[in-house]
């Protein structure tokens, strides 16, 4: 039972962390697009692909 709770906590934390990464990356992409920064857009899109966030 304790191991199951611990596993659930770890899974939830990992999920929350991944969602935070996704939101942060999305915001950074929006800003880069608004500024027309093509190099940064490309870099962030590659980062999203690497992290499988797209």
C-alpha atoms as a PDB file:
ATOM      1  CA  UNK A   1       0.000   0.000   0.000  1.00  0.00           C
ATOM      2  CA  UNK A   2       2.735   2.479   0.885  1.00  0.00           C
ATOM      3  CA  UNK A   3       4.684   1.537  -2.224  1.00  0.00           C
ATOM      4  CA  UNK A   4       1.564   2.108  -4.326  1.00  0.00           C
ATOM      5  CA  UNK A   5       1.033   5.551  -2.762  1.00  0.00           C
ATOM      6  CA  UNK A   6       4.663   6.423  -3.289  1.00  0.00           C
ATOM      7  CA  UNK A   7       4.479   5.284  -6.907  1.00  0.00           C
ATOM      8  CA  UNK A   8       1.326   7.364  -7.454  1.00  0.00           C
ATOM      9  CA  UNK A   9       3.035  10.426  -5.969  1.00  0.00           C
ATOM     10  CA  UNK A  10       6.042   9.951  -8.239  1.00  0.00           C
ATOM     11  CA  UNK A  11       3.841   9.499 -11.313  1.00  0.00           C
ATOM     12  CA  UNK A  12       1.793  12.590 -10.435  1.00  0.00           C
ATOM     13  CA  UNK A  13       4.937  14.647  -9.858  1.00  0.00           C
ATOM     14  CA  UNK A  14       6.409  13.532 -13.178  1.00  0.00           C
ATOM     15  CA  UNK A  15       3.163  14.389 -14.941  1.00  0.00           C
ATOM     16  CA  UNK A  16       2.999  17.823 -13.304  1.00  0.00           C
ATOM     17  CA  UNK A  17       6.639  18.465 -14.225  1.00  0.00           C
ATOM     18  CA  UNK A  18       6.031  17.498 -17.859  1.00  0.00           C
ATOM     19  CA  UNK A  19       2.961  19.746 -18.021  1.00  0.00           C
ATOM     20  CA  UNK A  20       4.990  22.614 -16.578  1.00  0.00           C
ATOM     21  CA  UNK A  21       7.685  22.069 -19.216  1.00  0.00           C
ATOM     22  CA  UNK A  22       5.036  22.030 -21.956  1.00  0.00           C
ATOM     23  CA  UNK A  23       3.400  25.262 -20.766  1.00  0.00           C
ATOM     24  CA  UNK A  24       6.733  27.020 -20.381  1.00  0.00           C
ATOM     25  CA  UNK A  25       7.882  25.948 -23.819  1.00  0.00           C
ATOM     26  CA  UNK A  26       4.558  26.988 -25.356  1.00  0.00           C
ATOM     27  CA  UNK A  27       4.853  30.449 -23.806  1.00  0.00           C
ATOM     28  CA  UNK A  28       8.433  30.820 -25.011  1.00  0.00           C
ATOM     29  CA  UNK A  29       7.327  29.836 -28.524  1.00  0.00           C
ATOM     30  CA  UNK A  30       4.504  32.389 -28.470  1.00  0.00           C
ATOM     31  CA  UNK A  31       6.907  35.140 -27.463  1.00  0.00           C
ATOM     32  CA  UNK A  32       9.480  34.111 -30.080  1.00  0.00           C
ATOM     33  CA  UNK A  33       6.783  34.075 -32.769  1.00  0.00           C
ATOM     34  CA  UNK A  34       5.485  37.483 -31.671  1.00  0.00           C
ATOM     35  CA  UNK A  35       9.018  38.858 -31.950  1.00  0.00           C
ATOM     36  CA  UNK A  36       9.632  37.114 -35.266  1.00  0.00           C
ATOM     37  CA  UNK A  37      12.727  35.393 -33.884  1.00  0.00           C
ATOM     38  CA  UNK A  38      13.021  32.537 -36.392  1.00  0.00           C
ATOM     39  CA  UNK A  39      16.228  31.116 -34.929  1.00  0.00           C
ATOM     40  CA  UNK A  40      14.664  30.830 -31.477  1.00  0.00           C
ATOM     41  CA  UNK A  41      11.442  29.401 -32.916  1.00  0.00           C
ATOM     42  CA  UNK A  42      13.433  26.695 -34.670  1.00  0.00           C
ATOM     43  CA  UNK A  43      15.431  25.934 -31.527  1.00  0.00           C
ATOM     44  CA  UNK A  44      12.303  25.713 -29.369  1.00  0.00           C
ATOM     45  CA  UNK A  45      10.547  23.487 -31.897  1.00  0.00           C
ATOM     46  CA  UNK A  46      13.556  21.157 -31.817  1.00  0.00           C
ATOM     47  CA  UNK A  47      13.435  21.193 -28.012  1.00  0.00           C
ATOM     48  CA  UNK A  48       9.728  20.296 -28.095  1.00  0.00           C
ATOM     49  CA  UNK A  49      10.419  17.421 -30.480  1.00  0.00           C
ATOM     50  CA  UNK A  50      13.297  16.178 -28.312  1.00  0.00           C
ATOM     51  CA  UNK A  51      11.067  16.216 -25.235  1.00  0.00           C
ATOM     52  CA  UNK A  52       8.121  14.773 -27.202  1.00  0.00           C
ATOM     53  CA  UNK A  53       5.985  17.740 -26.164  1.00  0.00           C
ATOM     54  CA  UNK A  54       4.574  18.570 -29.562  1.00  0.00           C
END
